[in-house]
Amino acid sequence: MHDNVTDRSATPPTGGTRRTALVTGAGRGLGATLTAFLCARGWTVVATSRSTDELTALADKLNAEGPGRVVALPGDVLDPDHRARLVVEADSLPGFGLVVNNAALMGMSPIAPLIEADAGVYQRVLETNVVAPLALIREAVPRLGAGSLIVNISSDAAVEVFPCAGVYGASKAAMDQAGRILALELAEAGIGVVAVDPGDMGTRMYAEAEPGADLSALPAPESTLPFWKWLLDQPPAEVSGERFTAQSHTG
């Protein structure tokens, strides 16, 4: 569909010289990598994670390096008050125009057959992977201007059939479908919504899902950076409603 991945500075989504993003699950893995990437391009990132120590260490490092800035707000996206605080903070900064729903829960460690998951597992995973991101979007939309972008991090488990990944996969499939509907509903407001499957990566979440598995051959989250460079250069209206696979995307 597109010929090249580009690496030029993106136009601020809502105007102004400084751009602001809100990233959940930013303490480690893909969330930390994406936060660092945005900061390197001069963005301010309101970053949240339940892992206070990891988030604080990341923010201290990136704030010392610049040129962007991290506002670290540890907490749980399941908490309505925390979601409201995140959006208010992001809205107080210039150019709030990007929301990345990255925080997620696998459900069981190690992963197990779907039939072994009890109602509590279903509830925790769906609340974390579907209800909380949708609630955050609801909170953010009134403060996002035309040209803003909402990114929901998906998984190949949402579209492929993997034994022992049933609860997680179902939650990601539900969020993919919700995102497609939101893309239609928010089109008139000029707000884009996309799903991004980052692909298999050697992250702690993967390690916790399959303890003892050799993940050394899997790529690091940094393998997705060419895709993010491309995505942030696209007009949100032109990509809205699409689902991307980051590692295989060639622009």
Foldseek 3Di string as FASTA:
>chain_A
DDDALDQDQAAQQVDDDEAEEEFEPLLDALNVVVCLVCFVSAYEYAYEYQPVVSQVVSQVVSCVVGPHHYNYDYDALLDPVSLLVSQVVRLVDPRYFEYELDFFDQQDFQQAAPVPHDPVSLVVRLSNLPVSVVSSCVSNVVSHAAQGEYEYEAAVLLPDDDGRRVSNNVSRVVNLVVQLVVQVVCVVRNYAYEYEHAYDADTVNVCRRPPPDDRVPGHGSCLLVSQVSRVSNDRRSVCGNYYYYRNPDRD
